[in-house]
Amino acid sequence: MLEGLIGKCSNKVKNIVERGAVKKFAEAIADPHPIFIDEETGKKSRYQSNIAPPTFPRVFDYGVIEGLNLPNKGLIHGEQTYHYERPLFVGEEIYCYSKIENYVEKKGNSGLLGFLIIQSYGEDRTGRTIFTSKQTVIITETVRKEMTT
């Protein structure tokens, strides 16, 4: 169903690790660690700055992959992993994009399931990778039918 999109990428989108957004995110995940929200703690840390929680890139804009038109509801978030080269610093610009790594279909108890693997990237201004994220989106038989009509 989506095999023809394997290898397609979105354009890079500039995101900013905004202090207010980091604070709200830390509160939302119930992890108000001072390294995320207290400026003095950040200045005194080994990073000399506040950093974002590890799952913060979930809120970034990764652009649009042409031809990938997933519905807004009915998808299952299967798995997501992050790999960091270094932390995200509050105030910095991050350039993000996504790439479709793979798509496979498997027979399940309630019909055919699609497994969409999306790799996302966050880079600094020079193009150096800061983090990568791999996400599995599960497309159920019901959603598959809706997408093809």
Protein backbone atom coordinates (compact mmCIF):
# COMPACT_ATOMS: atom_id res chain seq x y z
CA MET A 1 0.00 0.00 0.00
CA LEU A 2 2.80 2.47 0.90
CA GLU A 3 5.79 0.57 -0.50
CA GLY A 4 6.27 3.21 -3.21
CA LEU A 5 7.06 5.82 -0.55
CA ILE A 6 10.04 3.98 0.95
CA GLY A 7 13.07 6.28 0.83
CA LYS A 8 11.07 9.51 0.47
CA CYS A 9 12.04 12.42 2.73
CA SER A 10 10.45 15.62 3.89
CA ASN A 11 12.18 18.98 3.54
CA LYS A 12 14.11 20.25 6.57
CA VAL A 13 12.10 22.47 8.92
CA LYS A 14 13.64 24.88 11.43
CA ASN A 15 12.48 24.38 15.02
CA ILE A 16 13.52 26.25 18.15
CA VAL A 17 13.91 24.60 21.54
CA GLU A 18 11.83 27.24 23.31
CA ARG A 19 12.14 27.65 27.08
CA GLY A 20 8.37 27.89 27.63
CA ALA A 21 7.69 24.82 25.51
CA VAL A 22 10.34 22.82 27.39
CA LYS A 23 8.82 23.85 30.73
CA LYS A 24 5.29 22.88 29.62
CA PHE A 25 6.55 19.58 28.20
CA ALA A 26 8.45 18.72 31.41
CA GLU A 27 5.33 19.48 33.44
CA ALA A 28 3.15 17.41 31.08
CA ILE A 29 5.37 14.34 31.47
CA ALA A 30 5.59 14.96 35.24
CA ASP A 31 9.37 15.46 35.16
CA PRO A 32 10.05 19.02 36.32
CA HIS A 33 13.78 18.34 36.82
CA PRO A 34 15.63 21.64 37.41
CA ILE A 35 17.99 20.96 34.46
CA PHE A 36 14.93 21.41 32.22
CA ILE A 37 13.29 24.44 33.84
CA ASP A 38 15.55 26.34 36.26
CA GLU A 39 17.95 28.77 34.55
CA GLU A 40 20.44 28.82 37.43
CA THR A 41 20.62 25.03 37.51
CA GLY A 42 21.24 25.04 33.75
CA LYS A 43 24.05 27.60 34.02
CA LYS A 44 25.75 25.61 36.78
CA SER A 45 25.43 22.27 34.96
CA ARG A 46 28.11 20.66 32.83
CA TYR A 47 26.11 21.85 29.79
CA GLN A 48 26.09 25.48 31.03
CA SER A 49 22.51 25.64 29.74
CA ASN A 50 19.12 24.12 30.30
CA ILE A 51 18.39 21.05 28.19
CA ALA A 52 15.16 19.50 26.90
CA PRO A 53 13.74 16.18 28.11
CA PRO A 54 14.74 13.21 25.93
CA THR A 55 11.32 12.80 24.31
CA PHE A 56 10.89 16.54 23.59
CA PRO A 57 11.54 16.12 19.83
CA ARG A 58 8.03 14.63 19.66
CA VAL A 59 6.72 18.22 19.47
CA PHE A 60 8.95 19.29 16.55
CA ASP A 61 7.74 19.91 13.00
CA TYR A 62 9.39 17.43 10.62
CA GLY A 63 7.82 18.70 7.42
CA VAL A 64 5.64 16.83 4.96
CA ILE A 65 6.56 13.72 3.01
CA GLU A 66 4.83 14.08 -0.36
CA GLY A 67 2.33 11.29 -0.98
CA LEU A 68 2.09 10.24 2.67
CA ASN A 69 -1.49 11.06 3.61
CA LEU A 70 -2.19 9.35 6.90
CA PRO A 71 -5.53 9.97 8.63
CA ASN A 72 -5.65 11.99 11.85
CA LYS A 73 -7.28 9.18 13.81
CA GLY A 74 -7.26 5.41 14.02
CA LEU A 75 -3.49 4.87 13.77
CA ILE A 76 -1.62 2.94 16.45
CA HIS A 77 1.66 4.30 17.82
CA GLY A 78 3.65 1.07 17.92
CA GLU A 79 7.09 2.02 19.16
CA GLN A 80 9.46 4.96 19.19
CA THR A 81 13.13 5.13 20.09
CA TYR A 82 15.55 8.06 20.31
CA HIS A 83 19.32 8.16 19.89
CA TYR A 84 21.26 11.26 20.93
CA GLU A 85 24.73 12.49 20.05
CA ARG A 86 24.26 15.26 22.63
CA PRO A 87 21.37 16.95 24.51
CA LEU A 88 19.09 19.59 23.02
CA PHE A 89 19.91 23.00 24.48
CA VAL A 90 17.17 25.47 25.34
CA GLY A 91 17.22 28.31 22.81
CA GLU A 92 18.95 26.50 19.97
CA GLU A 93 17.70 25.97 16.43
CA ILE A 94 17.14 22.39 15.28
CA TYR A 95 16.55 21.43 11.64
CA CYS A 96 14.27 18.41 11.42
CA TYR A 97 13.14 16.07 8.66
CA SER A 98 11.73 12.57 8.30
CA LYS A 99 12.31 9.67 5.94
CA ILE A 100 10.20 6.60 5.28
CA GLU A 101 12.51 3.70 6.06
CA ASN A 102 10.20 0.79 5.40
CA TYR A 103 6.65 -0.44 5.03
CA VAL A 104 5.53 -4.03 5.49
CA GLU A 105 2.15 -5.73 5.78
CA LYS A 106 1.32 -8.68 8.01
CA LYS A 107 -1.81 -10.72 8.53
CA GLY A 108 -3.35 -10.16 11.97
CA ASN A 109 -6.39 -11.56 13.76
CA SER A 110 -8.54 -8.65 12.57
CA GLY A 111 -7.18 -8.37 9.03
CA LEU A 112 -4.13 -6.99 7.29
CA LEU A 113 -1.90 -4.65 9.32
CA GLY A 114 0.53 -2.16 7.83
CA PHE A 115 3.76 -1.31 9.67
CA LEU A 116 5.22 2.03 8.61
CA ILE A 117 8.75 2.76 9.84
CA ILE A 118 9.66 6.46 9.90
CA GLN A 119 13.16 7.66 10.76
CA SER A 120 13.39 11.29 11.89
CA TYR A 121 16.45 13.48 12.21
CA GLY A 122 17.39 16.61 14.13
CA GLU A 123 20.47 18.54 13.04
CA ASP A 124 22.25 21.70 14.09
CA ARG A 125 22.89 24.66 11.76
CA THR A 126 25.97 22.98 10.28
CA GLY A 127 24.08 19.78 9.40
CA ARG A 128 25.59 17.75 12.24
CA THR A 129 23.14 15.16 13.62
CA ILE A 130 22.01 15.81 17.19
CA PHE A 131 19.40 13.07 17.43
CA THR A 132 17.56 10.45 15.44
CA SER A 133 14.21 8.88 16.16
CA LYS A 134 12.69 5.70 14.78
CA GLN A 135 8.92 5.34 14.95
CA THR A 136 6.61 2.47 14.03
CA VAL A 137 3.09 3.43 12.97
CA ILE A 138 0.60 0.57 12.76
CA ILE A 139 -2.17 0.92 10.20
CA THR A 140 -5.16 -1.31 10.97
CA GLU A 141 -7.42 -2.96 8.40
CA THR A 142 -10.15 -0.39 9.15
CA VAL A 143 -7.80 2.53 8.56
CA ARG A 144 -6.35 0.87 5.43
CA LYS A 145 -9.88 0.60 3.94
CA GLU A 146 -10.55 4.25 4.78
CA MET A 147 -7.29 5.31 3.08
CA THR A 148 -8.09 3.47 -0.16
CA THR A 149 -11.64 4.82 -0.62
